[in-house]
Amino acid sequence: MVEVSATLMMYFAYGSNLLADRFFIHNKGERIGTGKLMDYSLGFNVPEEFWAGNVLTIVPSKGEHVMGAVWNVTSDIRILDEQEVGYFSFPVNIEMDDGRNISCRTYQLKDLPQNCDHSENLPSFSYLKAIVKGALESKLPDYYIKYLKNITHNGKIAVHMENTLKLHDIQLV
């Protein structure tokens, strides 16, 4: 595993931290744009009681990609590390929408399971809505938002997060 210094402040978010209201619960910073992480896909296989379902990780997947937001983190990066319990951080190269390539920190589940298939390991309705709201807010491409909206969820609602993040009006397919 490659160590990332505490001074690397660019962070690639692909899950609930796409949403500014979620990111700002514990962190400070500025979203500087969106980009693509090549040769990874999304996987759900981390049951999280807080969200009432499985949460995301990224999974190596040749030829696929994950879209996300790039944050310039201005708070102590260790706060983000603490938020991402069960994950490890590592550097990735992100292809920004403006054509630049930048180095960012991102997170992946520490003990990546064999099966991260989101047809079996379902996120909650609330978690998926937070991701979609963040994708809309971050201005991810329409094809990717459609992909996110079509992910099957378990129907469960995390009431506290629904209220905190104002997720009531977010529509999925």
N, C-alpha and C. Protein backbone atom coordinates (compact mmCIF):
# COMPACT_ATOMS: atom_id res chain seq x y z
N MET A 1 0.84 -1.18 0.00
CA MET A 1 0.00 0.00 0.00
C MET A 1 0.89 1.24 0.00
N VAL A 2 0.53 2.22 -0.82
CA VAL A 2 1.27 3.47 -0.90
C VAL A 2 0.77 4.40 0.19
N GLU A 3 1.68 4.98 0.93
CA GLU A 3 1.30 5.94 1.97
C GLU A 3 1.03 7.30 1.33
N VAL A 4 0.02 7.97 1.82
CA VAL A 4 -0.33 9.30 1.36
C VAL A 4 -0.04 10.27 2.49
N SER A 5 0.68 11.33 2.20
CA SER A 5 1.01 12.28 3.26
C SER A 5 -0.21 13.09 3.66
N ALA A 6 -0.18 13.61 4.87
CA ALA A 6 -1.28 14.43 5.38
C ALA A 6 -1.39 15.75 4.62
N THR A 7 -0.38 16.07 3.81
CA THR A 7 -0.40 17.34 3.07
C THR A 7 -1.08 17.20 1.71
N LEU A 8 -1.35 15.99 1.25
CA LEU A 8 -2.07 15.81 -0.01
C LEU A 8 -3.53 16.11 0.25
N MET A 9 -4.01 17.24 -0.25
CA MET A 9 -5.31 17.72 0.14
C MET A 9 -6.38 17.59 -0.93
N MET A 10 -6.07 17.12 -2.10
CA MET A 10 -7.08 16.90 -3.12
C MET A 10 -7.72 15.54 -2.85
N TYR A 11 -9.04 15.52 -2.79
CA TYR A 11 -9.78 14.32 -2.41
C TYR A 11 -10.81 14.01 -3.48
N PHE A 12 -10.81 12.77 -3.97
CA PHE A 12 -11.77 12.30 -4.96
C PHE A 12 -12.90 11.58 -4.23
N ALA A 13 -14.10 12.17 -4.28
CA ALA A 13 -15.28 11.61 -3.61
C ALA A 13 -16.20 10.97 -4.65
N TYR A 14 -16.67 9.76 -4.37
CA TYR A 14 -17.54 9.06 -5.30
C TYR A 14 -18.85 8.61 -4.64
N GLY A 15 -18.96 8.76 -3.32
CA GLY A 15 -20.14 8.30 -2.59
C GLY A 15 -20.91 9.46 -2.00
N SER A 16 -21.29 9.33 -0.74
CA SER A 16 -22.10 10.38 -0.10
C SER A 16 -21.36 11.71 0.02
N ASN A 17 -20.03 11.70 -0.01
CA ASN A 17 -19.28 12.95 0.06
C ASN A 17 -19.30 13.73 -1.25
N LEU A 18 -19.99 13.22 -2.26
CA LEU A 18 -20.29 14.05 -3.43
C LEU A 18 -21.14 15.24 -3.02
N LEU A 19 -21.97 15.02 -2.02
CA LEU A 19 -22.94 16.00 -1.54
C LEU A 19 -22.27 16.95 -0.54
N ALA A 20 -22.29 18.24 -0.83
CA ALA A 20 -21.62 19.22 0.02
C ALA A 20 -22.12 19.16 1.46
N ASP A 21 -23.44 19.06 1.65
CA ASP A 21 -23.97 19.02 3.02
C ASP A 21 -23.41 17.83 3.80
N ARG A 22 -23.17 16.72 3.15
CA ARG A 22 -22.58 15.55 3.81
C ARG A 22 -21.09 15.79 4.09
N PHE A 23 -20.37 16.27 3.09
CA PHE A 23 -18.94 16.54 3.24
C PHE A 23 -18.69 17.52 4.39
N PHE A 24 -19.51 18.58 4.46
CA PHE A 24 -19.29 19.64 5.44
C PHE A 24 -19.72 19.26 6.86
N ILE A 25 -20.32 18.10 7.06
CA ILE A 25 -20.63 17.67 8.43
C ILE A 25 -19.34 17.59 9.26
N HIS A 26 -18.26 17.10 8.65
CA HIS A 26 -17.00 16.92 9.39
C HIS A 26 -15.81 17.65 8.77
N ASN A 27 -15.94 18.10 7.54
CA ASN A 27 -14.78 18.59 6.79
C ASN A 27 -14.99 20.01 6.29
N LYS A 28 -13.88 20.62 5.87
CA LYS A 28 -13.92 21.93 5.24
C LYS A 28 -13.18 21.82 3.92
N GLY A 29 -13.62 22.60 2.95
CA GLY A 29 -12.94 22.59 1.67
C GLY A 29 -13.80 23.18 0.59
N GLU A 30 -13.33 23.00 -0.63
CA GLU A 30 -14.02 23.54 -1.79
C GLU A 30 -14.01 22.49 -2.90
N ARG A 31 -15.16 22.28 -3.50
CA ARG A 31 -15.24 21.38 -4.66
C ARG A 31 -14.65 22.13 -5.84
N ILE A 32 -13.64 21.54 -6.47
CA ILE A 32 -12.97 22.24 -7.57
C ILE A 32 -13.38 21.72 -8.94
N GLY A 33 -14.14 20.64 -8.98
CA GLY A 33 -14.58 20.11 -10.26
C GLY A 33 -14.94 18.65 -10.16
N THR A 34 -15.12 18.05 -11.32
CA THR A 34 -15.45 16.63 -11.38
C THR A 34 -14.44 15.92 -12.25
N GLY A 35 -14.36 14.62 -12.06
CA GLY A 35 -13.41 13.86 -12.83
C GLY A 35 -13.73 12.38 -12.84
N LYS A 36 -12.85 11.65 -13.48
CA LYS A 36 -13.04 10.23 -13.75
C LYS A 36 -11.85 9.44 -13.22
N LEU A 37 -12.15 8.37 -12.48
CA LEU A 37 -11.14 7.43 -12.02
C LEU A 37 -11.24 6.20 -12.92
N MET A 38 -10.22 5.97 -13.69
CA MET A 38 -10.22 4.86 -14.65
C MET A 38 -9.88 3.52 -13.98
N ASP A 39 -10.42 2.47 -14.57
CA ASP A 39 -10.15 1.08 -14.18
C ASP A 39 -10.66 0.71 -12.79
N TYR A 40 -11.76 1.37 -12.39
CA TYR A 40 -12.48 1.05 -11.16
C TYR A 40 -13.97 1.09 -11.46
N SER A 41 -14.73 0.40 -10.62
CA SER A 41 -16.19 0.49 -10.65
C SER A 41 -16.69 0.62 -9.22
N LEU A 42 -17.98 0.91 -9.08
CA LEU A 42 -18.58 1.01 -7.75
C LEU A 42 -18.97 -0.36 -7.25
N GLY A 43 -18.84 -0.57 -5.96
CA GLY A 43 -19.28 -1.81 -5.34
C GLY A 43 -19.91 -1.52 -3.99
N PHE A 44 -20.94 -2.26 -3.66
CA PHE A 44 -21.61 -2.13 -2.36
C PHE A 44 -21.39 -3.42 -1.59
N ASN A 45 -20.67 -3.35 -0.49
CA ASN A 45 -20.55 -4.52 0.35
C ASN A 45 -20.07 -4.16 1.74
N VAL A 46 -20.52 -3.02 2.23
CA VAL A 46 -20.15 -2.59 3.57
C VAL A 46 -21.44 -2.25 4.30
N PRO A 47 -22.00 -3.20 5.06
CA PRO A 47 -23.22 -2.87 5.80
C PRO A 47 -22.96 -1.76 6.82
N GLU A 48 -23.80 -0.76 6.80
CA GLU A 48 -23.63 0.39 7.67
C GLU A 48 -24.97 0.73 8.32
N GLU A 49 -25.06 0.49 9.62
CA GLU A 49 -26.31 0.73 10.35
C GLU A 49 -26.75 2.18 10.24
N PHE A 50 -25.79 3.09 10.30
CA PHE A 50 -26.05 4.52 10.20
C PHE A 50 -26.87 4.86 8.95
N TRP A 51 -26.56 4.18 7.84
CA TRP A 51 -27.24 4.42 6.56
C TRP A 51 -28.34 3.40 6.28
N ALA A 52 -28.52 2.40 7.10
CA ALA A 52 -29.56 1.37 6.95
C ALA A 52 -29.39 0.52 5.69
N GLY A 53 -28.14 0.30 5.31
CA GLY A 53 -27.85 -0.53 4.14
C GLY A 53 -26.37 -0.52 3.85
N ASN A 54 -26.00 -1.09 2.73
CA ASN A 54 -24.60 -1.16 2.35
C ASN A 54 -24.14 0.17 1.75
N VAL A 55 -22.88 0.51 2.02
CA VAL A 55 -22.29 1.73 1.47
C VAL A 55 -21.23 1.37 0.44
N LEU A 56 -20.77 2.38 -0.25
CA LEU A 56 -19.89 2.19 -1.41
C LEU A 56 -18.44 1.94 -1.07
N THR A 57 -17.81 1.27 -1.99
CA THR A 57 -16.37 1.24 -2.11
C THR A 57 -16.08 1.28 -3.61
N ILE A 58 -14.81 1.36 -3.96
CA ILE A 58 -14.43 1.23 -5.36
C ILE A 58 -13.70 -0.10 -5.51
N VAL A 59 -13.90 -0.69 -6.68
CA VAL A 59 -13.39 -2.03 -6.96
C VAL A 59 -12.56 -1.97 -8.25
N PRO A 60 -11.33 -2.50 -8.25
CA PRO A 60 -10.58 -2.53 -9.50
C PRO A 60 -11.39 -3.24 -10.59
N SER A 61 -11.48 -2.61 -11.74
CA SER A 61 -12.32 -3.12 -12.81
C SER A 61 -11.81 -2.57 -14.14
N LYS A 62 -10.95 -3.33 -14.79
CA LYS A 62 -10.29 -2.91 -16.03
C LYS A 62 -11.29 -2.42 -17.06
N GLY A 63 -11.04 -1.24 -17.60
CA GLY A 63 -11.86 -0.69 -18.67
C GLY A 63 -13.09 0.08 -18.20
N GLU A 64 -13.40 0.02 -16.90
CA GLU A 64 -14.56 0.77 -16.39
C GLU A 64 -14.07 2.06 -15.73
N HIS A 65 -15.00 2.87 -15.24
CA HIS A 65 -14.61 4.10 -14.58
C HIS A 65 -15.66 4.52 -13.55
N VAL A 66 -15.20 5.34 -12.63
CA VAL A 66 -16.05 5.92 -11.59
C VAL A 66 -15.96 7.43 -11.74
N MET A 67 -17.11 8.09 -11.76
CA MET A 67 -17.15 9.55 -11.80
C MET A 67 -17.24 10.06 -10.37
N GLY A 68 -16.70 11.25 -10.13
CA GLY A 68 -16.76 11.80 -8.80
C GLY A 68 -16.42 13.27 -8.77
N ALA A 69 -16.46 13.82 -7.57
CA ALA A 69 -16.11 15.22 -7.33
C ALA A 69 -14.72 15.29 -6.73
N VAL A 70 -14.01 16.34 -7.06
CA VAL A 70 -12.70 16.58 -6.47
C VAL A 70 -12.83 17.76 -5.52
N TRP A 71 -12.48 17.49 -4.27
CA TRP A 71 -12.51 18.49 -3.21
C TRP A 71 -11.09 18.90 -2.85
N ASN A 72 -10.87 20.19 -2.68
CA ASN A 72 -9.63 20.69 -2.09
C ASN A 72 -9.92 20.80 -0.60
N VAL A 73 -9.42 19.85 0.17
CA VAL A 73 -9.73 19.77 1.60
C VAL A 73 -8.85 20.77 2.35
N THR A 74 -9.51 21.66 3.09
CA THR A 74 -8.76 22.67 3.85
C THR A 74 -8.73 22.37 5.34
N SER A 75 -9.55 21.41 5.80
CA SER A 75 -9.47 20.98 7.20
C SER A 75 -8.39 19.90 7.32
N ASP A 76 -8.07 19.54 8.52
CA ASP A 76 -7.08 18.49 8.77
C ASP A 76 -7.55 17.20 8.11
N ILE A 77 -6.74 16.66 7.24
CA ILE A 77 -7.11 15.47 6.46
C ILE A 77 -7.38 14.28 7.38
N ARG A 78 -6.83 14.30 8.59
CA ARG A 78 -7.06 13.20 9.53
C ARG A 78 -8.53 13.12 9.94
N ILE A 79 -9.25 14.23 9.85
CA ILE A 79 -10.69 14.22 10.14
C ILE A 79 -11.41 13.38 9.10
N LEU A 80 -11.04 13.54 7.84
CA LEU A 80 -11.62 12.72 6.78
C LEU A 80 -11.24 11.26 6.97
N ASP A 81 -10.00 11.01 7.35
CA ASP A 81 -9.56 9.63 7.63
C ASP A 81 -10.43 8.99 8.72
N GLU A 82 -10.73 9.76 9.76
CA GLU A 82 -11.56 9.24 10.86
C GLU A 82 -12.99 8.97 10.40
N GLN A 83 -13.50 9.82 9.51
CA GLN A 83 -14.84 9.62 8.97
C GLN A 83 -14.90 8.33 8.16
N GLU A 84 -13.84 8.02 7.47
CA GLU A 84 -13.81 6.86 6.57
C GLU A 84 -13.25 5.62 7.29
N VAL A 85 -13.78 5.34 8.46
CA VAL A 85 -13.37 4.17 9.24
C VAL A 85 -13.65 2.91 8.42
N GLY A 86 -12.71 1.99 8.41
CA GLY A 86 -12.88 0.76 7.65
C GLY A 86 -12.35 0.86 6.23
N TYR A 87 -11.89 2.03 5.86
CA TYR A 87 -11.32 2.29 4.53
C TYR A 87 -9.87 2.71 4.68
N PHE A 88 -9.09 2.53 3.62
CA PHE A 88 -7.74 3.08 3.60
C PHE A 88 -7.67 4.10 2.48
N SER A 89 -6.80 5.08 2.67
CA SER A 89 -6.62 6.10 1.64
C SER A 89 -5.43 5.73 0.77
N PHE A 90 -5.51 6.15 -0.48
CA PHE A 90 -4.39 5.93 -1.39
C PHE A 90 -4.47 6.96 -2.52
N PRO A 91 -3.34 7.23 -3.18
CA PRO A 91 -3.34 8.22 -4.26
C PRO A 91 -3.87 7.62 -5.56
N VAL A 92 -4.62 8.43 -6.28
CA VAL A 92 -5.13 8.03 -7.59
C VAL A 92 -4.94 9.19 -8.56
N ASN A 93 -4.88 8.85 -9.83
CA ASN A 93 -4.82 9.86 -10.88
C ASN A 93 -6.24 10.07 -11.40
N ILE A 94 -6.70 11.32 -11.38
CA ILE A 94 -8.05 11.64 -11.82
C ILE A 94 -7.98 12.47 -13.10
N GLU A 95 -8.74 12.03 -14.09
CA GLU A 95 -8.88 12.76 -15.34
C GLU A 95 -10.01 13.76 -15.16
N MET A 96 -9.67 15.03 -15.00
CA MET A 96 -10.66 16.08 -14.76
C MET A 96 -11.46 16.34 -16.04
N ASP A 97 -12.66 16.86 -15.86
CA ASP A 97 -13.51 17.16 -17.01
C ASP A 97 -12.90 18.22 -17.93
N ASP A 98 -12.02 19.05 -17.39
CA ASP A 98 -11.37 20.08 -18.22
C ASP A 98 -10.11 19.55 -18.92
N GLY A 99 -9.84 18.24 -18.79
CA GLY A 99 -8.72 17.62 -19.49
C GLY A 99 -7.46 17.46 -18.65
N ARG A 100 -7.37 18.15 -17.52
CA ARG A 100 -6.19 18.01 -16.66
C ARG A 100 -6.19 16.65 -15.98
N ASN A 101 -5.02 16.18 -15.64
CA ASN A 101 -4.87 15.00 -14.79
C ASN A 101 -4.27 15.47 -13.48
N ILE A 102 -4.93 15.10 -12.36
CA ILE A 102 -4.41 15.52 -11.07
C ILE A 102 -4.35 14.32 -10.13
N SER A 103 -3.45 14.41 -9.17
CA SER A 103 -3.31 13.38 -8.15
C SER A 103 -4.23 13.72 -6.99
N CYS A 104 -5.01 12.74 -6.57
CA CYS A 104 -5.95 12.92 -5.46
C CYS A 104 -5.80 11.77 -4.48
N ARG A 105 -6.35 11.99 -3.32
CA ARG A 105 -6.50 10.94 -2.31
C ARG A 105 -7.92 10.42 -2.46
N THR A 106 -8.10 9.12 -2.37
CA THR A 106 -9.44 8.53 -2.31
C THR A 106 -9.40 7.39 -1.31
N TYR A 107 -10.53 6.75 -1.12
CA TYR A 107 -10.65 5.71 -0.10
C TYR A 107 -11.26 4.45 -0.69
N GLN A 108 -10.78 3.31 -0.19
CA GLN A 108 -11.29 2.00 -0.59
C GLN A 108 -11.41 1.14 0.66
N LEU A 109 -12.41 0.27 0.67
CA LEU A 109 -12.61 -0.65 1.78
C LEU A 109 -11.31 -1.41 2.05
N LYS A 110 -10.94 -1.51 3.33
CA LYS A 110 -9.69 -2.18 3.71
C LYS A 110 -9.68 -3.65 3.33
N ASP A 111 -10.74 -4.35 3.66
CA ASP A 111 -10.82 -5.78 3.36
C ASP A 111 -11.83 -5.98 2.24
N LEU A 112 -11.38 -5.72 1.03
CA LEU A 112 -12.26 -5.78 -0.13
C LEU A 112 -12.77 -7.21 -0.33
N PRO A 113 -14.09 -7.41 -0.23
CA PRO A 113 -14.64 -8.75 -0.39
C PRO A 113 -14.63 -9.18 -1.86
N GLN A 114 -14.78 -10.47 -2.07
CA GLN A 114 -14.84 -11.00 -3.43
C GLN A 114 -16.06 -10.47 -4.17
N ASN A 115 -17.19 -10.35 -3.45
CA ASN A 115 -18.43 -9.97 -4.11
C ASN A 115 -18.87 -8.58 -3.68
N CYS A 116 -18.75 -7.63 -4.57
CA CYS A 116 -19.23 -6.27 -4.32
C CYS A 116 -20.39 -5.94 -5.26
N ASP A 117 -21.03 -6.95 -5.76
CA ASP A 117 -22.12 -6.81 -6.72
C ASP A 117 -23.29 -6.08 -6.08
N HIS A 118 -23.73 -4.97 -6.70
CA HIS A 118 -24.83 -4.25 -6.09
C HIS A 118 -26.19 -4.80 -6.47
N SER A 119 -26.25 -5.99 -7.03
CA SER A 119 -27.55 -6.64 -7.18
C SER A 119 -27.87 -7.47 -5.94
N GLU A 120 -26.84 -7.78 -5.13
CA GLU A 120 -27.04 -8.55 -3.91
C GLU A 120 -26.80 -7.72 -2.65
N ASN A 121 -25.87 -6.81 -2.69
CA ASN A 121 -25.47 -6.01 -1.53
C ASN A 121 -26.05 -4.61 -1.70
N LEU A 122 -27.24 -4.42 -1.19
CA LEU A 122 -28.00 -3.24 -1.55
C LEU A 122 -27.78 -2.05 -0.62
N PRO A 123 -27.68 -0.86 -1.21
CA PRO A 123 -27.67 0.35 -0.41
C PRO A 123 -29.09 0.68 0.03
N SER A 124 -29.20 1.53 1.03
CA SER A 124 -30.54 1.99 1.43
C SER A 124 -31.05 3.01 0.42
N PHE A 125 -32.35 3.20 0.45
CA PHE A 125 -33.00 4.22 -0.36
C PHE A 125 -32.38 5.59 -0.04
N SER A 126 -32.17 5.87 1.23
CA SER A 126 -31.62 7.17 1.65
C SER A 126 -30.18 7.36 1.17
N TYR A 127 -29.35 6.32 1.31
CA TYR A 127 -27.95 6.44 0.89
C TYR A 127 -27.86 6.70 -0.61
N LEU A 128 -28.65 5.95 -1.36
CA LEU A 128 -28.63 6.14 -2.81
C LEU A 128 -29.12 7.54 -3.18
N LYS A 129 -30.12 8.04 -2.49
CA LYS A 129 -30.59 9.40 -2.75
C LYS A 129 -29.52 10.44 -2.42
N ALA A 130 -28.74 10.23 -1.36
CA ALA A 130 -27.65 11.15 -1.03
C ALA A 130 -26.61 11.17 -2.14
N ILE A 131 -26.29 9.99 -2.69
CA ILE A 131 -25.32 9.91 -3.78
C ILE A 131 -25.86 10.62 -5.02
N VAL A 132 -27.12 10.37 -5.35
CA VAL A 132 -27.71 11.00 -6.54
C VAL A 132 -27.79 12.52 -6.36
N LYS A 133 -28.19 12.97 -5.18
CA LYS A 133 -28.25 14.41 -4.93
C LYS A 133 -26.86 15.03 -5.07
N GLY A 134 -25.85 14.34 -4.54
CA GLY A 134 -24.48 14.82 -4.68
C GLY A 134 -24.00 14.82 -6.12
N ALA A 135 -24.40 13.81 -6.88
CA ALA A 135 -24.02 13.74 -8.30
C ALA A 135 -24.66 14.89 -9.08
N LEU A 136 -25.92 15.18 -8.77
CA LEU A 136 -26.60 16.31 -9.42
C LEU A 136 -25.93 17.63 -9.03
N GLU A 137 -25.69 17.80 -7.75
CA GLU A 137 -25.05 19.01 -7.24
C GLU A 137 -23.65 19.20 -7.82
N SER A 138 -22.92 18.10 -7.98
CA SER A 138 -21.56 18.14 -8.51
C SER A 138 -21.53 18.30 -10.03
N LYS A 139 -22.71 18.14 -10.64
CA LYS A 139 -22.85 18.23 -12.11
C LYS A 139 -22.10 17.09 -12.82
N LEU A 140 -22.26 15.88 -12.28
CA LEU A 140 -21.72 14.72 -12.99
C LEU A 140 -22.51 14.54 -14.27
N PRO A 141 -21.95 13.85 -15.25
CA PRO A 141 -22.64 13.68 -16.54
C PRO A 141 -23.99 12.98 -16.40
N ASP A 142 -24.92 13.34 -17.27
CA ASP A 142 -26.28 12.79 -17.24
C ASP A 142 -26.29 11.26 -17.30
N TYR A 143 -25.44 10.65 -18.16
CA TYR A 143 -25.42 9.19 -18.27
C TYR A 143 -25.06 8.54 -16.94
N TYR A 144 -24.19 9.20 -16.17
CA TYR A 144 -23.75 8.63 -14.90
C TYR A 144 -24.83 8.79 -13.84
N ILE A 145 -25.51 9.92 -13.84
CA ILE A 145 -26.62 10.12 -12.90
C ILE A 145 -27.72 9.11 -13.19
N LYS A 146 -27.99 8.85 -14.45
CA LYS A 146 -28.99 7.83 -14.81
C LYS A 146 -28.56 6.46 -14.29
N TYR A 147 -27.30 6.14 -14.45
CA TYR A 147 -26.75 4.88 -13.93
C TYR A 147 -26.97 4.78 -12.42
N LEU A 148 -26.63 5.86 -11.69
CA LEU A 148 -26.80 5.86 -10.23
C LEU A 148 -28.27 5.69 -9.84
N LYS A 149 -29.16 6.39 -10.52
CA LYS A 149 -30.59 6.32 -10.21
C LYS A 149 -31.16 4.92 -10.42
N ASN A 150 -30.53 4.14 -11.28
CA ASN A 150 -31.03 2.80 -11.60
C ASN A 150 -30.45 1.70 -10.72
N ILE A 151 -29.59 2.03 -9.79
CA ILE A 151 -29.05 1.03 -8.86
C ILE A 151 -30.19 0.59 -7.94
N THR A 152 -30.33 -0.71 -7.78
CA THR A 152 -31.37 -1.25 -6.90
C THR A 152 -31.01 -0.95 -5.45
N HIS A 153 -32.02 -0.56 -4.67
CA HIS A 153 -31.81 -0.27 -3.25
C HIS A 153 -32.68 -1.19 -2.41
N ASN A 154 -32.47 -1.17 -1.09
CA ASN A 154 -33.21 -2.06 -0.20
C ASN A 154 -34.52 -1.46 0.32
N GLY A 155 -34.84 -0.23 -0.08
CA GLY A 155 -36.09 0.41 0.32
C GLY A 155 -36.06 1.05 1.70
N LYS A 156 -34.97 0.86 2.46
CA LYS A 156 -34.91 1.38 3.83
C LYS A 156 -34.56 2.87 3.85
N ILE A 157 -35.11 3.54 4.84
CA ILE A 157 -34.89 4.98 5.00
C ILE A 157 -34.10 5.23 6.27
N ALA A 158 -33.03 5.99 6.14
CA ALA A 158 -32.25 6.45 7.29
C ALA A 158 -32.79 7.83 7.64
N VAL A 159 -33.76 7.88 8.54
CA VAL A 159 -34.54 9.09 8.82
C VAL A 159 -33.65 10.28 9.17
N HIS A 160 -32.68 10.06 10.05
CA HIS A 160 -31.81 11.17 10.46
C HIS A 160 -31.10 11.78 9.25
N MET A 161 -30.55 10.95 8.39
CA MET A 161 -29.82 11.47 7.22
C MET A 161 -30.77 12.07 6.19
N GLU A 162 -31.96 11.49 6.04
CA GLU A 162 -32.98 12.07 5.15
C GLU A 162 -33.24 13.52 5.56
N ASN A 163 -33.40 13.74 6.87
CA ASN A 163 -33.70 15.08 7.37
C ASN A 163 -32.48 16.00 7.32
N THR A 164 -31.34 15.50 7.78
CA THR A 164 -30.12 16.31 7.82
C THR A 164 -29.71 16.77 6.43
N LEU A 165 -29.80 15.87 5.45
CA LEU A 165 -29.33 16.18 4.10
C LEU A 165 -30.44 16.63 3.15
N LYS A 166 -31.66 16.74 3.68
CA LYS A 166 -32.81 17.21 2.89
C LYS A 166 -32.98 16.38 1.61
N LEU A 167 -33.16 15.08 1.81
CA LEU A 167 -33.23 14.14 0.70
C LEU A 167 -34.65 13.83 0.22
N HIS A 168 -35.64 14.41 0.85
CA HIS A 168 -37.04 14.05 0.60
C HIS A 168 -37.47 14.23 -0.86
N ASP A 169 -36.94 15.22 -1.54
CA ASP A 169 -37.40 15.51 -2.91
C ASP A 169 -36.58 14.82 -4.00
N ILE A 170 -35.59 14.05 -3.63
CA ILE A 170 -34.75 13.38 -4.63
C ILE A 170 -35.49 12.17 -5.19
N GLN A 171 -35.60 12.11 -6.50
CA GLN A 171 -36.30 11.03 -7.18
C GLN A 171 -35.32 10.03 -7.77
N LEU A 172 -35.61 8.76 -7.55
CA LEU A 172 -34.88 7.68 -8.19
C LEU A 172 -35.81 7.05 -9.22
N VAL A 173 -35.32 6.10 -9.96
CA VAL A 173 -36.17 5.42 -10.96
C VAL A 173 -37.12 4.47 -10.29
